[in-house]
Amino acid sequence: MRPDPGLAIQEAVIAGMGAQARGDERLRLAARGKLLAWQQVDAMAPASELERAEFLLRRLYPTLPERSLQQVLAQLAEAGAAGSWHGFQRPEPLKAR
């Protein structure tokens, strides 16, 4: 992997933040990541809710072991068949800072 030329700057900025600011930034970045994943889902060809769920889970949790992912998908499929799951809820748009 190539070295990241901005890593030192990023680490310096983070080191200068207080605990509250780091937490706030983590939440903001997580929300932005969810919105980006949903934008990717929107660009997909028509898909079932389960296919959308798999796409989102793979984007949002890339280190989730495959076995765990398949267990979650099986639970979602079962809940969908029972009528108690109708897909993931789309996040609210980010507020301007």
N, C-alpha and C. Protein backbone atom coordinates (compact mmCIF):
# COMPACT_ATOMS: atom_id res chain seq x y z
N MET A 1 0.85 -1.17 0.00
CA MET A 1 0.00 0.00 0.00
C MET A 1 0.90 1.24 0.00
N ARG A 2 0.50 2.23 -0.78
CA ARG A 2 1.28 3.47 -0.85
C ARG A 2 1.15 4.25 0.46
N PRO A 3 2.19 4.99 0.83
CA PRO A 3 2.06 5.84 2.02
C PRO A 3 1.06 6.96 1.78
N ASP A 4 0.37 7.36 2.81
CA ASP A 4 -0.63 8.42 2.72
C ASP A 4 0.04 9.74 3.06
N PRO A 5 0.21 10.65 2.09
CA PRO A 5 0.92 11.90 2.37
C PRO A 5 0.17 12.82 3.33
N GLY A 6 -1.12 12.62 3.50
CA GLY A 6 -1.89 13.47 4.40
C GLY A 6 -2.03 12.90 5.80
N LEU A 7 -1.49 11.71 6.04
CA LEU A 7 -1.67 11.05 7.32
C LEU A 7 -1.09 11.85 8.48
N ALA A 8 0.09 12.41 8.32
CA ALA A 8 0.71 13.18 9.39
C ALA A 8 -0.12 14.41 9.75
N ILE A 9 -0.65 15.07 8.73
CA ILE A 9 -1.50 16.24 8.97
C ILE A 9 -2.77 15.82 9.70
N GLN A 10 -3.37 14.74 9.24
CA GLN A 10 -4.60 14.23 9.87
C GLN A 10 -4.34 13.88 11.33
N GLU A 11 -3.25 13.19 11.60
CA GLU A 11 -2.94 12.80 12.98
C GLU A 11 -2.69 14.02 13.85
N ALA A 12 -2.05 15.06 13.30
CA ALA A 12 -1.81 16.28 14.07
C ALA A 12 -3.12 16.99 14.40
N VAL A 13 -4.04 17.03 13.45
CA VAL A 13 -5.34 17.67 13.68
C VAL A 13 -6.11 16.90 14.75
N ILE A 14 -6.12 15.59 14.64
CA ILE A 14 -6.84 14.77 15.62
C ILE A 14 -6.22 14.91 17.00
N ALA A 15 -4.91 14.93 17.07
CA ALA A 15 -4.23 15.06 18.36
C ALA A 15 -4.56 16.40 19.03
N GLY A 16 -4.83 17.41 18.23
CA GLY A 16 -5.15 18.72 18.77
C GLY A 16 -6.60 18.88 19.20
N MET A 17 -7.42 17.91 18.91
CA MET A 17 -8.85 17.98 19.27
C MET A 17 -9.05 17.46 20.69
N GLY A 18 -10.06 17.99 21.31
CA GLY A 18 -10.45 17.46 22.61
C GLY A 18 -11.28 16.20 22.41
N ALA A 19 -11.57 15.52 23.51
CA ALA A 19 -12.33 14.27 23.44
C ALA A 19 -13.72 14.50 22.83
N GLN A 20 -14.38 15.57 23.22
CA GLN A 20 -15.72 15.86 22.69
C GLN A 20 -15.67 16.11 21.18
N ALA A 21 -14.69 16.88 20.73
CA ALA A 21 -14.57 17.18 19.30
C ALA A 21 -14.26 15.91 18.50
N ARG A 22 -13.41 15.03 19.04
CA ARG A 22 -13.11 13.77 18.35
C ARG A 22 -14.38 12.91 18.24
N GLY A 23 -15.14 12.85 19.32
CA GLY A 23 -16.39 12.08 19.30
C GLY A 23 -17.38 12.65 18.30
N ASP A 24 -17.51 13.97 18.30
CA ASP A 24 -18.42 14.62 17.35
C ASP A 24 -18.00 14.35 15.91
N GLU A 25 -16.70 14.42 15.65
CA GLU A 25 -16.20 14.19 14.30
C GLU A 25 -16.41 12.73 13.89
N ARG A 26 -16.22 11.80 14.81
CA ARG A 26 -16.46 10.39 14.51
C ARG A 26 -17.92 10.16 14.12
N LEU A 27 -18.84 10.77 14.86
CA LEU A 27 -20.26 10.64 14.55
C LEU A 27 -20.59 11.26 13.19
N ARG A 28 -20.00 12.43 12.89
CA ARG A 28 -20.24 13.09 11.61
C ARG A 28 -19.73 12.25 10.45
N LEU A 29 -18.54 11.68 10.63
CA LEU A 29 -17.97 10.85 9.56
C LEU A 29 -18.77 9.56 9.37
N ALA A 30 -19.24 8.97 10.46
CA ALA A 30 -20.06 7.75 10.35
C ALA A 30 -21.36 8.05 9.62
N ALA A 31 -21.99 9.17 9.95
CA ALA A 31 -23.23 9.56 9.27
C ALA A 31 -22.97 9.80 7.79
N ARG A 32 -21.87 10.45 7.48
CA ARG A 32 -21.53 10.72 6.07
C ARG A 32 -21.28 9.41 5.32
N GLY A 33 -20.61 8.46 5.98
CA GLY A 33 -20.37 7.16 5.36
C GLY A 33 -21.67 6.44 5.05
N LYS A 34 -22.63 6.51 5.96
CA LYS A 34 -23.93 5.88 5.71
C LYS A 34 -24.62 6.52 4.52
N LEU A 35 -24.59 7.85 4.46
CA LEU A 35 -25.23 8.54 3.33
C LEU A 35 -24.56 8.18 2.00
N LEU A 36 -23.24 8.08 2.01
CA LEU A 36 -22.53 7.71 0.78
C LEU A 36 -22.90 6.30 0.35
N ALA A 37 -23.01 5.39 1.30
CA ALA A 37 -23.41 4.01 0.97
C ALA A 37 -24.82 3.99 0.38
N TRP A 38 -25.73 4.80 0.94
CA TRP A 38 -27.09 4.86 0.41
C TRP A 38 -27.10 5.47 -0.99
N GLN A 39 -26.23 6.43 -1.25
CA GLN A 39 -26.15 6.99 -2.60
C GLN A 39 -25.71 5.91 -3.59
N GLN A 40 -24.79 5.04 -3.16
CA GLN A 40 -24.35 3.94 -4.01
C GLN A 40 -25.50 2.97 -4.25
N VAL A 41 -26.29 2.70 -3.20
CA VAL A 41 -27.46 1.81 -3.36
C VAL A 41 -28.43 2.41 -4.38
N ASP A 42 -28.64 3.71 -4.29
CA ASP A 42 -29.56 4.37 -5.21
C ASP A 42 -29.10 4.25 -6.66
N ALA A 43 -27.79 4.17 -6.87
CA ALA A 43 -27.24 4.07 -8.22
C ALA A 43 -27.28 2.64 -8.75
N MET A 44 -27.61 1.68 -7.90
CA MET A 44 -27.68 0.28 -8.31
C MET A 44 -28.89 0.04 -9.21
N ALA A 45 -28.81 -1.06 -9.93
CA ALA A 45 -29.98 -1.53 -10.66
C ALA A 45 -31.04 -1.93 -9.63
N PRO A 46 -32.28 -2.00 -10.04
CA PRO A 46 -33.31 -2.42 -9.08
C PRO A 46 -32.89 -3.71 -8.38
N ALA A 47 -33.12 -3.74 -7.08
CA ALA A 47 -32.71 -4.89 -6.28
C ALA A 47 -33.74 -5.13 -5.18
N SER A 48 -33.72 -6.32 -4.64
CA SER A 48 -34.61 -6.63 -3.52
C SER A 48 -34.08 -5.94 -2.27
N GLU A 49 -34.91 -5.87 -1.25
CA GLU A 49 -34.47 -5.26 0.01
C GLU A 49 -33.30 -6.05 0.61
N LEU A 50 -33.32 -7.36 0.45
CA LEU A 50 -32.23 -8.18 0.98
C LEU A 50 -30.93 -7.90 0.22
N GLU A 51 -31.01 -7.71 -1.09
CA GLU A 51 -29.81 -7.37 -1.86
C GLU A 51 -29.29 -5.99 -1.46
N ARG A 52 -30.19 -5.05 -1.24
CA ARG A 52 -29.77 -3.73 -0.76
C ARG A 52 -29.10 -3.84 0.60
N ALA A 53 -29.68 -4.66 1.47
CA ALA A 53 -29.11 -4.85 2.81
C ALA A 53 -27.70 -5.42 2.71
N GLU A 54 -27.51 -6.42 1.87
CA GLU A 54 -26.18 -7.00 1.72
C GLU A 54 -25.19 -5.96 1.21
N PHE A 55 -25.61 -5.19 0.22
CA PHE A 55 -24.74 -4.14 -0.33
C PHE A 55 -24.33 -3.16 0.76
N LEU A 56 -25.32 -2.68 1.53
CA LEU A 56 -25.03 -1.71 2.59
C LEU A 56 -24.13 -2.31 3.67
N LEU A 57 -24.43 -3.52 4.09
CA LEU A 57 -23.63 -4.15 5.14
C LEU A 57 -22.19 -4.35 4.69
N ARG A 58 -22.01 -4.74 3.45
CA ARG A 58 -20.64 -4.92 2.94
C ARG A 58 -19.89 -3.59 2.87
N ARG A 59 -20.59 -2.50 2.57
CA ARG A 59 -19.93 -1.19 2.50
C ARG A 59 -19.65 -0.63 3.90
N LEU A 60 -20.61 -0.77 4.80
CA LEU A 60 -20.48 -0.16 6.12
C LEU A 60 -19.64 -0.98 7.09
N TYR A 61 -19.57 -2.28 6.87
CA TYR A 61 -18.82 -3.17 7.77
C TYR A 61 -17.92 -4.08 6.96
N PRO A 62 -16.91 -3.51 6.29
CA PRO A 62 -16.08 -4.31 5.38
C PRO A 62 -15.27 -5.39 6.08
N THR A 63 -15.05 -5.29 7.38
CA THR A 63 -14.27 -6.31 8.08
C THR A 63 -15.15 -7.36 8.76
N LEU A 64 -16.46 -7.25 8.58
CA LEU A 64 -17.37 -8.24 9.16
C LEU A 64 -17.08 -9.59 8.51
N PRO A 65 -16.82 -10.60 9.33
CA PRO A 65 -16.54 -11.92 8.75
C PRO A 65 -17.71 -12.41 7.89
N GLU A 66 -17.38 -13.09 6.81
CA GLU A 66 -18.40 -13.56 5.87
C GLU A 66 -19.45 -14.42 6.56
N ARG A 67 -19.03 -15.26 7.47
CA ARG A 67 -19.98 -16.12 8.18
C ARG A 67 -20.99 -15.29 8.97
N SER A 68 -20.50 -14.25 9.63
CA SER A 68 -21.40 -13.37 10.39
C SER A 68 -22.35 -12.63 9.46
N LEU A 69 -21.83 -12.16 8.35
CA LEU A 69 -22.67 -11.46 7.37
C LEU A 69 -23.78 -12.38 6.87
N GLN A 70 -23.44 -13.61 6.54
CA GLN A 70 -24.44 -14.55 6.05
C GLN A 70 -25.48 -14.87 7.12
N GLN A 71 -25.07 -14.91 8.38
CA GLN A 71 -26.04 -15.14 9.47
C GLN A 71 -27.02 -13.97 9.57
N VAL A 72 -26.49 -12.75 9.48
CA VAL A 72 -27.36 -11.56 9.53
C VAL A 72 -28.32 -11.57 8.35
N LEU A 73 -27.81 -11.87 7.16
CA LEU A 73 -28.67 -11.89 5.98
C LEU A 73 -29.75 -12.97 6.09
N ALA A 74 -29.41 -14.11 6.66
CA ALA A 74 -30.40 -15.17 6.85
C ALA A 74 -31.49 -14.71 7.82
N GLN A 75 -31.09 -14.00 8.88
CA GLN A 75 -32.08 -13.48 9.83
C GLN A 75 -32.98 -12.44 9.17
N LEU A 76 -32.39 -11.58 8.35
CA LEU A 76 -33.18 -10.57 7.65
C LEU A 76 -34.14 -11.22 6.65
N ALA A 77 -33.67 -12.25 5.95
CA ALA A 77 -34.53 -12.96 5.00
C ALA A 77 -35.71 -13.60 5.73
N GLU A 78 -35.43 -14.19 6.87
CA GLU A 78 -36.49 -14.82 7.67
C GLU A 78 -37.50 -13.76 8.15
N ALA A 79 -36.99 -12.65 8.65
CA ALA A 79 -37.87 -11.58 9.12
C ALA A 79 -38.67 -10.99 7.96
N GLY A 80 -38.05 -10.87 6.80
CA GLY A 80 -38.75 -10.36 5.63
C GLY A 80 -39.87 -11.29 5.20
N ALA A 81 -39.60 -12.58 5.23
CA ALA A 81 -40.62 -13.56 4.86
C ALA A 81 -41.78 -13.55 5.85
N ALA A 82 -41.47 -13.25 7.11
CA ALA A 82 -42.51 -13.19 8.14
C ALA A 82 -43.25 -11.85 8.15
N GLY A 83 -42.76 -10.91 7.35
CA GLY A 83 -43.40 -9.61 7.27
C GLY A 83 -43.01 -8.63 8.36
N SER A 84 -41.97 -8.96 9.12
CA SER A 84 -41.56 -8.07 10.21
C SER A 84 -40.34 -7.21 9.86
N TRP A 85 -39.80 -7.37 8.66
CA TRP A 85 -38.69 -6.52 8.19
C TRP A 85 -38.98 -6.15 6.75
N HIS A 86 -38.87 -4.86 6.47
CA HIS A 86 -39.18 -4.36 5.12
C HIS A 86 -38.01 -3.58 4.53
N GLY A 87 -36.82 -3.80 5.04
CA GLY A 87 -35.64 -3.11 4.55
C GLY A 87 -35.10 -2.14 5.58
N PHE A 88 -33.90 -1.69 5.34
CA PHE A 88 -33.27 -0.73 6.24
C PHE A 88 -33.88 0.65 6.04
N GLN A 89 -33.91 1.40 7.11
CA GLN A 89 -34.44 2.76 7.04
C GLN A 89 -33.36 3.71 6.56
N ARG A 90 -33.70 4.51 5.60
CA ARG A 90 -32.76 5.48 5.03
C ARG A 90 -32.43 6.55 6.08
N PRO A 91 -31.13 6.90 6.23
CA PRO A 91 -30.79 7.95 7.21
C PRO A 91 -31.25 9.32 6.79
N GLU A 92 -31.40 10.20 7.74
CA GLU A 92 -31.75 11.59 7.46
C GLU A 92 -30.57 12.29 6.82
N PRO A 93 -30.81 13.27 5.94
CA PRO A 93 -29.71 14.03 5.35
C PRO A 93 -28.90 14.74 6.44
N LEU A 94 -27.62 14.95 6.17
CA LEU A 94 -26.76 15.65 7.13
C LEU A 94 -27.15 17.11 7.18
N LYS A 95 -27.05 17.67 8.37
CA LYS A 95 -27.30 19.10 8.54
C LYS A 95 -26.03 19.86 8.22
N ALA A 96 -26.18 21.04 7.66
CA ALA A 96 -25.02 21.88 7.36
C ALA A 96 -24.37 22.32 8.66
N ARG A 97 -23.06 22.41 8.62
CA ARG A 97 -22.33 22.83 9.82
C ARG A 97 -22.31 24.33 9.92
